[in-house]
């Protein structure tokens, strides 16, 4: 079965280290909470708010071993009043888990984005 997993984190600053640290934590939590390996991951879409330009979020996943997984980064639309410095992901994975057992991961200030599904 193919499932989509959502996640987001708010990083401390628009610098390479902050982005890589935040995204590493996010990807690691998604993988651990859903008991996944990189072989289970079909693809990952990362988005970043327009105020994050210092690094591609996908680089953190590459450093975690996502070498053969298609990854892409895009920019979120600039909505007035939106939470700043947010990286989101949508991972498409192969899993036998039913939809209700998928754990979506929202970290740091991004918890406020989806209180309804954040674990």
PDB file of N, CA and C in Angstrom:
ATOM      1  N   UNK A   1       0.828  -1.174   0.000  1.00  0.00           N
ATOM      2  CA  UNK A   1       0.000   0.000   0.000  1.00  0.00           C
ATOM      3  C   UNK A   1       0.880   1.247   0.000  1.00  0.00           C
ATOM      4  N   UNK A   2       0.433   2.272  -0.659  1.00  0.00           N
ATOM      5  CA  UNK A   2       1.135   3.553  -0.651  1.00  0.00           C
ATOM      6  C   UNK A   2       0.391   4.501   0.275  1.00  0.00           C
ATOM      7  N   UNK A   3       1.141   5.137   1.157  1.00  0.00           N
ATOM      8  CA  UNK A   3       0.585   6.114   2.091  1.00  0.00           C
ATOM      9  C   UNK A   3       1.400   7.393   2.002  1.00  0.00           C
ATOM     10  N   UNK A   4       0.771   8.508   2.321  1.00  0.00           N
ATOM     11  CA  UNK A   4       1.465   9.792   2.403  1.00  0.00           C
ATOM     12  C   UNK A   4       1.577  10.178   3.869  1.00  0.00           C
ATOM     13  N   UNK A   5       2.748  10.665   4.232  1.00  0.00           N
ATOM     14  CA  UNK A   5       2.987  11.112   5.599  1.00  0.00           C
ATOM     15  C   UNK A   5       3.359  12.583   5.552  1.00  0.00           C
ATOM     16  N   UNK A   6       2.681  13.369   6.382  1.00  0.00           N
ATOM     17  CA  UNK A   6       2.946  14.808   6.452  1.00  0.00           C
ATOM     18  C   UNK A   6       3.825  15.114   7.648  1.00  0.00           C
ATOM     19  N   UNK A   7       4.564  16.193   7.531  1.00  0.00           N
ATOM     20  CA  UNK A   7       5.373  16.649   8.637  1.00  0.00           C
ATOM     21  C   UNK A   7       5.821  18.074   8.419  1.00  0.00           C
ATOM     22  N   UNK A   8       6.208  18.729   9.506  1.00  0.00           N
ATOM     23  CA  UNK A   8       6.720  20.098   9.414  1.00  0.00           C
ATOM     24  C   UNK A   8       7.516  20.416  10.668  1.00  0.00           C
ATOM     25  N   UNK A   9       8.412  21.366  10.510  1.00  0.00           N
ATOM     26  CA  UNK A   9       9.167  21.890  11.638  1.00  0.00           C
ATOM     27  C   UNK A   9       9.436  23.357  11.403  1.00  0.00           C
ATOM     28  N   UNK A  10       9.602  24.074  12.473  1.00  0.00           N
ATOM     29  CA  UNK A  10      10.019  25.469  12.380  1.00  0.00           C
ATOM     30  C   UNK A  10      11.487  25.529  12.787  1.00  0.00           C
ATOM     31  N   UNK A  11      12.326  26.087  11.910  1.00  0.00           N
ATOM     32  CA  UNK A  11      13.751  26.165  12.208  1.00  0.00           C
ATOM     33  C   UNK A  11      14.078  27.508  12.841  1.00  0.00           C
ATOM     34  N   UNK A  12      15.216  27.544  13.530  1.00  0.00           N
ATOM     35  CA  UNK A  12      15.581  28.732  14.308  1.00  0.00           C
ATOM     36  C   UNK A  12      15.979  29.932  13.468  1.00  0.00           C
ATOM     37  N   UNK A  13      16.611  29.691  12.326  1.00  0.00           N
ATOM     38  CA  UNK A  13      17.116  30.801  11.522  1.00  0.00           C
ATOM     39  C   UNK A  13      17.302  30.362  10.078  1.00  0.00           C
ATOM     40  N   UNK A  14      17.446  31.336   9.202  1.00  0.00           N
ATOM     41  CA  UNK A  14      17.731  31.045   7.801  1.00  0.00           C
ATOM     42  C   UNK A  14      19.237  30.905   7.619  1.00  0.00           C
ATOM     43  N   UNK A  15      19.779  29.816   8.138  1.00  0.00           N
ATOM     44  CA  UNK A  15      21.169  29.503   7.863  1.00  0.00           C
ATOM     45  C   UNK A  15      21.279  27.997   7.633  1.00  0.00           C
ATOM     46  N   UNK A  16      22.334  27.606   6.951  1.00  0.00           N
ATOM     47  CA  UNK A  16      22.484  26.220   6.535  1.00  0.00           C
ATOM     48  C   UNK A  16      22.389  25.252   7.708  1.00  0.00           C
ATOM     49  N   UNK A  17      23.108  25.517   8.783  1.00  0.00           N
ATOM     50  CA  UNK A  17      23.116  24.600   9.913  1.00  0.00           C
ATOM     51  C   UNK A  17      21.729  24.454  10.539  1.00  0.00           C
ATOM     52  N   UNK A  18      21.032  25.557  10.741  1.00  0.00           N
ATOM     53  CA  UNK A  18      19.701  25.492  11.355  1.00  0.00           C
ATOM     54  C   UNK A  18      18.732  24.693  10.496  1.00  0.00           C
ATOM     55  N   UNK A  19      18.791  24.884   9.194  1.00  0.00           N
ATOM     56  CA  UNK A  19      17.906  24.144   8.287  1.00  0.00           C
ATOM     57  C   UNK A  19      18.252  22.658   8.315  1.00  0.00           C
ATOM     58  N   UNK A  20      19.519  22.324   8.214  1.00  0.00           N
ATOM     59  CA  UNK A  20      19.915  20.912   8.210  1.00  0.00           C
ATOM     60  C   UNK A  20      19.590  20.227   9.532  1.00  0.00           C
ATOM     61  N   UNK A  21      19.814  20.894  10.655  1.00  0.00           N
ATOM     62  CA  UNK A  21      19.493  20.316  11.958  1.00  0.00           C
ATOM     63  C   UNK A  21      17.987  20.086  12.084  1.00  0.00           C
ATOM     64  N   UNK A  22      17.196  21.082  11.725  1.00  0.00           N
ATOM     65  CA  UNK A  22      15.743  20.958  11.838  1.00  0.00           C
ATOM     66  C   UNK A  22      15.167  19.878  10.940  1.00  0.00           C
ATOM     67  N   UNK A  23      15.636  19.828   9.700  1.00  0.00           N
ATOM     68  CA  UNK A  23      15.114  18.834   8.758  1.00  0.00           C
ATOM     69  C   UNK A  23      15.598  17.438   9.121  1.00  0.00           C
ATOM     70  N   UNK A  24      16.822  17.318   9.599  1.00  0.00           N
ATOM     71  CA  UNK A  24      17.319  16.015  10.056  1.00  0.00           C
ATOM     72  C   UNK A  24      16.433  15.480  11.178  1.00  0.00           C
ATOM     73  N   UNK A  25      16.109  16.322  12.134  1.00  0.00           N
ATOM     74  CA  UNK A  25      15.234  15.909  13.234  1.00  0.00           C
ATOM     75  C   UNK A  25      13.857  15.492  12.702  1.00  0.00           C
ATOM     76  N   UNK A  26      13.301  16.269  11.781  1.00  0.00           N
ATOM     77  CA  UNK A  26      11.987  15.971  11.229  1.00  0.00           C
ATOM     78  C   UNK A  26      11.977  14.636  10.480  1.00  0.00           C
ATOM     79  N   UNK A  27      12.923  14.447   9.584  1.00  0.00           N
ATOM     80  CA  UNK A  27      12.966  13.213   8.787  1.00  0.00           C
ATOM     81  C   UNK A  27      13.199  12.007   9.702  1.00  0.00           C
ATOM     82  N   UNK A  28      14.092  12.146  10.649  1.00  0.00           N
ATOM     83  CA  UNK A  28      14.368  11.052  11.586  1.00  0.00           C
ATOM     84  C   UNK A  28      13.115  10.678  12.368  1.00  0.00           C
ATOM     85  N   UNK A  29      12.379  11.648  12.852  1.00  0.00           N
ATOM     86  CA  UNK A  29      11.149  11.379  13.605  1.00  0.00           C
ATOM     87  C   UNK A  29      10.086  10.705  12.731  1.00  0.00           C
ATOM     88  N   UNK A  30       9.936  11.167  11.501  1.00  0.00           N
ATOM     89  CA  UNK A  30       8.969  10.541  10.588  1.00  0.00           C
ATOM     90  C   UNK A  30       9.321   9.074  10.383  1.00  0.00           C
ATOM     91  N   UNK A  31      10.588   8.796  10.143  1.00  0.00           N
ATOM     92  CA  UNK A  31      11.026   7.425   9.889  1.00  0.00           C
ATOM     93  C   UNK A  31      10.848   6.549  11.124  1.00  0.00           C
ATOM     94  N   UNK A  32      11.260   7.042  12.298  1.00  0.00           N
ATOM     95  CA  UNK A  32      11.175   6.239  13.520  1.00  0.00           C
ATOM     96  C   UNK A  32       9.735   6.003  13.949  1.00  0.00           C
ATOM     97  N   UNK A  33       8.924   7.042  13.967  1.00  0.00           N
ATOM     98  CA  UNK A  33       7.546   6.898  14.438  1.00  0.00           C
ATOM     99  C   UNK A  33       6.715   5.987  13.543  1.00  0.00           C
ATOM    100  N   UNK A  34       7.096   5.899  12.263  1.00  0.00           N
ATOM    101  CA  UNK A  34       6.347   5.065  11.330  1.00  0.00           C
ATOM    102  C   UNK A  34       7.070   3.757  11.004  1.00  0.00           C
ATOM    103  N   UNK A  35       8.151   3.492  11.711  1.00  0.00           N
ATOM    104  CA  UNK A  35       8.925   2.256  11.568  1.00  0.00           C
ATOM    105  C   UNK A  35       9.290   1.985  10.105  1.00  0.00           C
ATOM    106  N   UNK A  36       9.938   2.976   9.488  1.00  0.00           N
ATOM    107  CA  UNK A  36      10.292   2.910   8.075  1.00  0.00           C
ATOM    108  C   UNK A  36      11.800   2.835   7.887  1.00  0.00           C
ATOM    109  N   UNK A  37      12.192   2.283   6.744  1.00  0.00           N
ATOM    110  CA  UNK A  37      13.575   2.370   6.277  1.00  0.00           C
ATOM    111  C   UNK A  37      13.549   3.148   4.971  1.00  0.00           C
ATOM    112  N   UNK A  38      14.707   3.538   4.484  1.00  0.00           N
ATOM    113  CA  UNK A  38      14.726   4.281   3.222  1.00  0.00           C
ATOM    114  C   UNK A  38      14.195   3.435   2.065  1.00  0.00           C
ATOM    115  N   UNK A  39      14.270   2.111   2.162  1.00  0.00           N
ATOM    116  CA  UNK A  39      13.711   1.249   1.116  1.00  0.00           C
ATOM    117  C   UNK A  39      12.189   1.360   1.034  1.00  0.00           C
ATOM    118  N   UNK A  40      11.544   1.805   2.106  1.00  0.00           N
ATOM    119  CA  UNK A  40      10.090   1.966   2.120  1.00  0.00           C
ATOM    120  C   UNK A  40       9.642   3.284   1.501  1.00  0.00           C
ATOM    121  N   UNK A  41      10.559   4.210   1.331  1.00  0.00           N
ATOM    122  CA  UNK A  41      10.211   5.560   0.885  1.00  0.00           C
ATOM    123  C   UNK A  41      10.229   5.634  -0.638  1.00  0.00           C
ATOM    124  N   UNK A  42       9.111   6.054  -1.206  1.00  0.00           N
ATOM    125  CA  UNK A  42       8.988   6.198  -2.663  1.00  0.00           C
ATOM    126  C   UNK A  42       9.550   7.542  -3.104  1.00  0.00           C
ATOM    127  N   UNK A  43       9.136   8.622  -2.425  1.00  0.00           N
ATOM    128  CA  UNK A  43       9.604   9.965  -2.750  1.00  0.00           C
ATOM    129  C   UNK A  43       9.254  10.902  -1.597  1.00  0.00           C
ATOM    130  N   UNK A  44       9.930  12.052  -1.567  1.00  0.00           N
ATOM    131  CA  UNK A  44       9.649  13.061  -0.552  1.00  0.00           C
ATOM    132  C   UNK A  44       9.637  14.425  -1.220  1.00  0.00           C
ATOM    133  N   UNK A  45       8.589  15.183  -0.929  1.00  0.00           N
ATOM    134  CA  UNK A  45       8.484  16.569  -1.370  1.00  0.00           C
ATOM    135  C   UNK A  45       8.724  17.440  -0.144  1.00  0.00           C
ATOM    136  N   UNK A  46       9.694  18.353  -0.247  1.00  0.00           N
ATOM    137  CA  UNK A  46       9.949  19.321   0.813  1.00  0.00           C
ATOM    138  C   UNK A  46       9.511  20.696   0.330  1.00  0.00           C
ATOM    139  N   UNK A  47       8.904  21.478   1.215  1.00  0.00           N
ATOM    140  CA  UNK A  47       8.664  22.879   0.911  1.00  0.00           C
ATOM    141  C   UNK A  47       9.240  23.704   2.056  1.00  0.00           C
ATOM    142  N   UNK A  48       9.597  24.918   1.719  1.00  0.00           N
ATOM    143  CA  UNK A  48      10.109  25.849   2.719  1.00  0.00           C
ATOM    144  C   UNK A  48       9.411  27.187   2.524  1.00  0.00           C
ATOM    145  N   UNK A  49       9.165  27.866   3.626  1.00  0.00           N
ATOM    146  CA  UNK A  49       8.584  29.201   3.516  1.00  0.00           C
ATOM    147  C   UNK A  49       9.589  30.108   2.798  1.00  0.00           C
ATOM    148  N   UNK A  50       9.105  31.168   2.150  1.00  0.00           N
ATOM    149  CA  UNK A  50       9.987  32.021   1.339  1.00  0.00           C
ATOM    150  C   UNK A  50      11.144  32.663   2.106  1.00  0.00           C
ATOM    151  N   UNK A  51      11.083  32.669   3.437  1.00  0.00           N
ATOM    152  CA  UNK A  51      12.163  33.257   4.222  1.00  0.00           C
ATOM    153  C   UNK A  51      13.310  32.281   4.484  1.00  0.00           C
ATOM    154  N   UNK A  52      13.228  31.065   3.956  1.00  0.00           N
ATOM    155  CA  UNK A  52      14.300  30.076   4.106  1.00  0.00           C
ATOM    156  C   UNK A  52      14.950  29.823   2.744  1.00  0.00           C
ATOM    157  N   UNK A  53      16.147  30.335   2.572  1.00  0.00           N
ATOM    158  CA  UNK A  53      16.851  30.203   1.291  1.00  0.00           C
ATOM    159  C   UNK A  53      18.305  29.766   1.440  1.00  0.00           C
ATOM    160  N   UNK A  54      18.767  29.525   2.660  1.00  0.00           N
ATOM    161  CA  UNK A  54      20.180  29.235   2.884  1.00  0.00           C
ATOM    162  C   UNK A  54      20.599  27.817   2.489  1.00  0.00           C
ATOM    163  N   UNK A  55      19.637  26.888   2.392  1.00  0.00           N
ATOM    164  CA  UNK A  55      19.977  25.508   2.044  1.00  0.00           C
ATOM    165  C   UNK A  55      18.743  24.777   1.532  1.00  0.00           C
ATOM    166  N   UNK A  56      18.978  23.768   0.702  1.00  0.00           N
ATOM    167  CA  UNK A  56      17.902  22.892   0.260  1.00  0.00           C
ATOM    168  C   UNK A  56      17.572  21.911   1.385  1.00  0.00           C
ATOM    169  N   UNK A  57      16.322  21.817   1.815  1.00  0.00           N
ATOM    170  CA  UNK A  57      15.972  20.849   2.862  1.00  0.00           C
ATOM    171  C   UNK A  57      16.313  19.406   2.486  1.00  0.00           C
ATOM    172  N   UNK A  58      16.251  19.068   1.223  1.00  0.00           N
ATOM    173  CA  UNK A  58      16.531  17.698   0.786  1.00  0.00           C
ATOM    174  C   UNK A  58      17.955  17.256   1.115  1.00  0.00           C
ATOM    175  N   UNK A  59      18.877  18.196   1.261  1.00  0.00           N
ATOM    176  CA  UNK A  59      20.251  17.826   1.585  1.00  0.00           C
ATOM    177  C   UNK A  59      20.316  17.057   2.909  1.00  0.00           C
ATOM    178  N   UNK A  60      19.479  17.426   3.869  1.00  0.00           N
ATOM    179  CA  UNK A  60      19.465  16.710   5.153  1.00  0.00           C
ATOM    180  C   UNK A  60      19.073  15.251   4.940  1.00  0.00           C
ATOM    181  N   UNK A  61      18.077  15.005   4.095  1.00  0.00           N
ATOM    182  CA  UNK A  61      17.663  13.624   3.816  1.00  0.00           C
ATOM    183  C   UNK A  61      18.781  12.862   3.114  1.00  0.00           C
ATOM    184  N   UNK A  62      19.450  13.496   2.185  1.00  0.00           N
ATOM    185  CA  UNK A  62      20.577  12.841   1.495  1.00  0.00           C
ATOM    186  C   UNK A  62      21.634  12.425   2.511  1.00  0.00           C
ATOM    187  N   UNK A  63      21.915  13.307   3.467  1.00  0.00           N
ATOM    188  CA  UNK A  63      22.929  13.001   4.485  1.00  0.00           C
ATOM    189  C   UNK A  63      22.483  11.874   5.411  1.00  0.00           C
ATOM    190  N   UNK A  64      21.173  11.618   5.477  1.00  0.00           N
ATOM    191  CA  UNK A  64      20.645  10.518   6.292  1.00  0.00           C
ATOM    192  C   UNK A  64      20.594   9.198   5.518  1.00  0.00           C
ATOM    193  N   UNK A  65      20.997   9.209   4.248  1.00  0.00           N
ATOM    194  CA  UNK A  65      21.032   7.974   3.477  1.00  0.00           C
ATOM    195  C   UNK A  65      19.964   7.835   2.412  1.00  0.00           C
ATOM    196  N   UNK A  66      19.240   8.895   2.107  1.00  0.00           N
ATOM    197  CA  UNK A  66      18.198   8.852   1.079  1.00  0.00           C
ATOM    198  C   UNK A  66      18.825   9.042  -0.299  1.00  0.00           C
ATOM    199  N   UNK A  67      19.809   8.204  -0.641  1.00  0.00           N
ATOM    200  CA  UNK A  67      20.564   8.377  -1.878  1.00  0.00           C
ATOM    201  C   UNK A  67      19.775   7.990  -3.126  1.00  0.00           C
ATOM    202  N   UNK A  68      18.940   6.957  -3.033  1.00  0.00           N
ATOM    203  CA  UNK A  68      18.189   6.476  -4.198  1.00  0.00           C
ATOM    204  C   UNK A  68      16.722   6.901  -4.173  1.00  0.00           C
ATOM    205  N   UNK A  69      16.370   7.785  -3.255  1.00  0.00           N
ATOM    206  CA  UNK A  69      14.985   8.231  -3.105  1.00  0.00           C
ATOM    207  C   UNK A  69      14.819   9.561  -3.842  1.00  0.00           C
ATOM    208  N   UNK A  70      13.836   9.665  -4.751  1.00  0.00           N
ATOM    209  CA  UNK A  70      13.593  10.950  -5.399  1.00  0.00           C
ATOM    210  C   UNK A  70      13.134  11.993  -4.368  1.00  0.00           C
ATOM    211  N   UNK A  71      13.829  13.126  -4.358  1.00  0.00           N
ATOM    212  CA  UNK A  71      13.532  14.225  -3.442  1.00  0.00           C
ATOM    213  C   UNK A  71      13.390  15.500  -4.265  1.00  0.00           C
ATOM    214  N   UNK A  72      12.524  16.391  -3.825  1.00  0.00           N
ATOM    215  CA  UNK A  72      12.399  17.686  -4.497  1.00  0.00           C
ATOM    216  C   UNK A  72      12.057  18.741  -3.459  1.00  0.00           C
ATOM    217  N   UNK A  73      12.534  19.955  -3.710  1.00  0.00           N
ATOM    218  CA  UNK A  73      12.244  21.086  -2.830  1.00  0.00           C
ATOM    219  C   UNK A  73      11.451  22.125  -3.612  1.00  0.00           C
ATOM    220  N   UNK A  74      10.552  22.797  -2.917  1.00  0.00           N
ATOM    221  CA  UNK A  74       9.750  23.858  -3.518  1.00  0.00           C
ATOM    222  C   UNK A  74       9.507  24.925  -2.464  1.00  0.00           C
ATOM    223  N   UNK A  75       9.038  26.052  -2.917  1.00  0.00           N
ATOM    224  CA  UNK A  75       8.745  27.147  -2.008  1.00  0.00           C
ATOM    225  C   UNK A  75       7.252  27.180  -1.692  1.00  0.00           C
ATOM    226  N   UNK A  76       6.923  27.390  -0.432  1.00  0.00           N
ATOM    227  CA  UNK A  76       5.533  27.591  -0.023  1.00  0.00           C
ATOM    228  C   UNK A  76       5.078  28.950  -0.540  1.00  0.00           C
ATOM    229  N   UNK A  77       3.786  29.121  -0.706  1.00  0.00           N
ATOM    230  CA  UNK A  77       3.282  30.431  -1.099  1.00  0.00           C
ATOM    231  C   UNK A  77       3.410  31.392   0.080  1.00  0.00           C
ATOM    232  N   UNK A  78       3.615  32.645  -0.228  1.00  0.00           N
ATOM    233  CA  UNK A  78       3.833  33.672   0.793  1.00  0.00           C
ATOM    234  C   UNK A  78       2.486  34.200   1.292  1.00  0.00           C
ATOM    235  N   UNK A  79       1.912  33.520   2.251  1.00  0.00           N
ATOM    236  CA  UNK A  79       0.624  33.924   2.815  1.00  0.00           C
ATOM    237  C   UNK A  79       0.873  34.920   3.944  1.00  0.00           C
ATOM    238  N   UNK A  80       0.244  36.091   3.890  1.00  0.00           N
ATOM    239  CA  UNK A  80       0.439  37.071   4.967  1.00  0.00           C
ATOM    240  C   UNK A  80       0.068  36.477   6.330  1.00  0.00           C
ATOM    241  N   UNK A  81       0.950  36.669   7.293  1.00  0.00           N
ATOM    242  CA  UNK A  81       0.700  36.186   8.644  1.00  0.00           C
ATOM    243  C   UNK A  81       1.026  34.723   8.883  1.00  0.00           C
ATOM    244  N   UNK A  82       1.536  34.037   7.868  1.00  0.00           N
ATOM    245  CA  UNK A  82       1.868  32.615   8.025  1.00  0.00           C
ATOM    246  C   UNK A  82       3.054  32.455   8.969  1.00  0.00           C
ATOM    247  N   UNK A  83       3.129  31.290   9.600  1.00  0.00           N
ATOM    248  CA  UNK A  83       4.234  30.971  10.484  1.00  0.00           C
ATOM    249  C   UNK A  83       5.550  31.032   9.708  1.00  0.00           C
ATOM    250  N   UNK A  84       6.540  31.769  10.204  1.00  0.00           N
ATOM    251  CA  UNK A  84       7.813  31.889   9.477  1.00  0.00           C
ATOM    252  C   UNK A  84       8.743  30.694   9.696  1.00  0.00           C
ATOM    253  N   UNK A  85       9.711  30.576   8.816  1.00  0.00           N
ATOM    254  CA  UNK A  85      10.807  29.610   8.908  1.00  0.00           C
ATOM    255  C   UNK A  85      10.330  28.168   9.064  1.00  0.00           C
ATOM    256  N   UNK A  86       9.410  27.767   8.208  1.00  0.00           N
ATOM    257  CA  UNK A  86       8.833  26.424   8.292  1.00  0.00           C
ATOM    258  C   UNK A  86       9.251  25.585   7.094  1.00  0.00           C
ATOM    259  N   UNK A  87       9.696  24.370   7.394  1.00  0.00           N
ATOM    260  CA  UNK A  87       9.954  23.359   6.363  1.00  0.00           C
ATOM    261  C   UNK A  87       8.892  22.288   6.530  1.00  0.00           C
ATOM    262  N   UNK A  88       8.218  21.967   5.437  1.00  0.00           N
ATOM    263  CA  UNK A  88       7.208  20.914   5.436  1.00  0.00           C
ATOM    264  C   UNK A  88       7.698  19.766   4.568  1.00  0.00           C
ATOM    265  N   UNK A  89       7.163  18.590   4.828  1.00  0.00           N
ATOM    266  CA  UNK A  89       7.451  17.462   3.954  1.00  0.00           C
ATOM    267  C   UNK A  89       6.184  16.641   3.741  1.00  0.00           C
ATOM    268  N   UNK A  90       6.150  15.995   2.591  1.00  0.00           N
ATOM    269  CA  UNK A  90       5.156  14.967   2.312  1.00  0.00           C
ATOM    270  C   UNK A  90       5.931  13.789   1.750  1.00  0.00           C
ATOM    271  N   UNK A  91       5.949  12.710   2.522  1.00  0.00           N
ATOM    272  CA  UNK A  91       6.662  11.501   2.120  1.00  0.00           C
ATOM    273  C   UNK A  91       5.652  10.475   1.627  1.00  0.00           C
ATOM    274  N   UNK A  92       5.937   9.897   0.478  1.00  0.00           N
ATOM    275  CA  UNK A  92       5.121   8.808  -0.064  1.00  0.00           C
ATOM    276  C   UNK A  92       5.863   7.519   0.249  1.00  0.00           C
ATOM    277  N   UNK A  93       5.183   6.621   0.957  1.00  0.00           N
ATOM    278  CA  UNK A  93       5.854   5.414   1.436  1.00  0.00           C
ATOM    279  C   UNK A  93       5.036   4.166   1.135  1.00  0.00           C
ATOM    280  N   UNK A  94       5.739   3.035   1.104  1.00  0.00           N
ATOM    281  CA  UNK A  94       5.085   1.732   1.025  1.00  0.00           C
ATOM    282  C   UNK A  94       5.006   1.177   2.442  1.00  0.00           C
ATOM    283  N   UNK A  95       3.804   0.839   2.865  1.00  0.00           N
ATOM    284  CA  UNK A  95       3.612   0.318   4.212  1.00  0.00           C
ATOM    285  C   UNK A  95       2.327  -0.500   4.259  1.00  0.00           C
ATOM    286  N   UNK A  96       2.287  -1.433   5.184  1.00  0.00           N
ATOM    287  CA  UNK A  96       1.065  -2.201   5.402  1.00  0.00           C
ATOM    288  C   UNK A  96       0.160  -1.544   6.434  1.00  0.00           C
ATOM    289  N   UNK A  97       0.615  -0.453   7.030  1.00  0.00           N
ATOM    290  CA  UNK A  97      -0.177   0.218   8.066  1.00  0.00           C
ATOM    291  C   UNK A  97      -1.431   0.847   7.475  1.00  0.00           C
ATOM    292  N   UNK A  98      -2.554   0.698   8.170  1.00  0.00           N
ATOM    293  CA  UNK A  98      -3.749   1.413   7.728  1.00  0.00           C
ATOM    294  C   UNK A  98      -3.566   2.919   7.933  1.00  0.00           C
ATOM    295  N   UNK A  99      -4.310   3.702   7.203  1.00  0.00           N
ATOM    296  CA  UNK A  99      -4.181   5.154   7.241  1.00  0.00           C
ATOM    297  C   UNK A  99      -4.237   5.719   8.655  1.00  0.00           C
ATOM    298  N   UNK A 100      -5.112   5.181   9.497  1.00  0.00           N
ATOM    299  CA  UNK A 100      -5.274   5.720  10.847  1.00  0.00           C
ATOM    300  C   UNK A 100      -4.067   5.442  11.747  1.00  0.00           C
ATOM    301  N   UNK A 101      -3.161   4.556  11.341  1.00  0.00           N
ATOM    302  CA  UNK A 101      -1.964   4.278  12.133  1.00  0.00           C
ATOM    303  C   UNK A 101      -0.745   5.080  11.687  1.00  0.00           C
ATOM    304  N   UNK A 102      -0.868   5.814  10.603  1.00  0.00           N
ATOM    305  CA  UNK A 102       0.230   6.655  10.143  1.00  0.00           C
ATOM    306  C   UNK A 102       0.409   7.804  11.133  1.00  0.00           C
ATOM    307  N   UNK A 103       1.649   8.048  11.499  1.00  0.00           N
ATOM    308  CA  UNK A 103       1.942   9.134  12.436  1.00  0.00           C
ATOM    309  C   UNK A 103       2.567  10.311  11.696  1.00  0.00           C
ATOM    310  N   UNK A 104       1.812  11.386  11.620  1.00  0.00           N
ATOM    311  CA  UNK A 104       2.291  12.632  11.037  1.00  0.00           C
ATOM    312  C   UNK A 104       3.091  13.355  12.116  1.00  0.00           C
ATOM    313  N   UNK A 105       4.124  14.075  11.714  1.00  0.00           N
ATOM    314  CA  UNK A 105       5.063  14.633  12.684  1.00  0.00           C
ATOM    315  C   UNK A 105       5.165  16.149  12.515  1.00  0.00           C
ATOM    316  N   UNK A 106       4.833  16.862  13.570  1.00  0.00           N
ATOM    317  CA  UNK A 106       4.955  18.319  13.600  1.00  0.00           C
ATOM    318  C   UNK A 106       5.809  18.681  14.805  1.00  0.00           C
ATOM    319  N   UNK A 107       6.912  19.389  14.560  1.00  0.00           N
ATOM    320  CA  UNK A 107       7.889  19.682  15.600  1.00  0.00           C
ATOM    321  C   UNK A 107       8.061  21.190  15.787  1.00  0.00           C
ATOM    322  N   UNK A 108       8.629  21.536  16.933  1.00  0.00           N
ATOM    323  CA  UNK A 108       8.934  22.935  17.263  1.00  0.00           C
ATOM    324  C   UNK A 108       7.658  23.773  17.115  1.00  0.00           C
ATOM    325  N   UNK A 109       7.764  24.978  16.611  1.00  0.00           N
ATOM    326  CA  UNK A 109       6.602  25.851  16.464  1.00  0.00           C
ATOM    327  C   UNK A 109       5.587  25.367  15.454  1.00  0.00           C
ATOM    328  N   UNK A 110       5.989  24.432  14.600  1.00  0.00           N
ATOM    329  CA  UNK A 110       5.084  23.911  13.573  1.00  0.00           C
ATOM    330  C   UNK A 110       3.963  23.048  14.137  1.00  0.00           C
ATOM    331  N   UNK A 111       4.061  22.691  15.407  1.00  0.00           N
ATOM    332  CA  UNK A 111       2.964  21.934  16.055  1.00  0.00           C
ATOM    333  C   UNK A 111       1.652  22.710  15.903  1.00  0.00           C
ATOM    334  N   UNK A 112       1.743  24.019  15.926  1.00  0.00           N
ATOM    335  CA  UNK A 112       0.549  24.862  15.824  1.00  0.00           C
ATOM    336  C   UNK A 112      -0.149  24.757  14.454  1.00  0.00           C
ATOM    337  N   UNK A 113       0.547  24.261  13.454  1.00  0.00           N
ATOM    338  CA  UNK A 113      -0.031  24.170  12.121  1.00  0.00           C
ATOM    339  C   UNK A 113      -1.125  23.118  12.010  1.00  0.00           C
ATOM    340  N   UNK A 114      -0.915  21.992  12.674  1.00  0.00           N
ATOM    341  CA  UNK A 114      -1.874  20.886  12.554  1.00  0.00           C
ATOM    342  C   UNK A 114      -2.056  20.190  13.877  1.00  0.00           C
ATOM    343  N   UNK A 115      -2.591  20.873  14.845  1.00  0.00           N
ATOM    344  CA  UNK A 115      -2.829  20.293  16.157  1.00  0.00           C
ATOM    345  C   UNK A 115      -3.742  19.081  16.044  1.00  0.00           C
ATOM    346  N   UNK A 116      -4.592  19.073  15.025  1.00  0.00           N
ATOM    347  CA  UNK A 116      -5.547  17.978  14.834  1.00  0.00           C
ATOM    348  C   UNK A 116      -4.886  16.653  14.477  1.00  0.00           C
ATOM    349  N   UNK A 117      -3.712  16.683  13.804  1.00  0.00           N
ATOM    350  CA  UNK A 117      -3.075  15.419  13.415  1.00  0.00           C
ATOM    351  C   UNK A 117      -1.672  15.257  13.967  1.00  0.00           C
ATOM    352  N   UNK A 118      -1.140  16.262  14.609  1.00  0.00           N
ATOM    353  CA  UNK A 118       0.215  16.139  15.161  1.00  0.00           C
ATOM    354  C   UNK A 118       0.237  15.088  16.260  1.00  0.00           C
ATOM    355  N   UNK A 119       1.296  14.305  16.259  1.00  0.00           N
ATOM    356  CA  UNK A 119       1.443  13.226  17.258  1.00  0.00           C
ATOM    357  C   UNK A 119       2.289  13.721  18.396  1.00  0.00           C
TER     358      UNK A 119
END
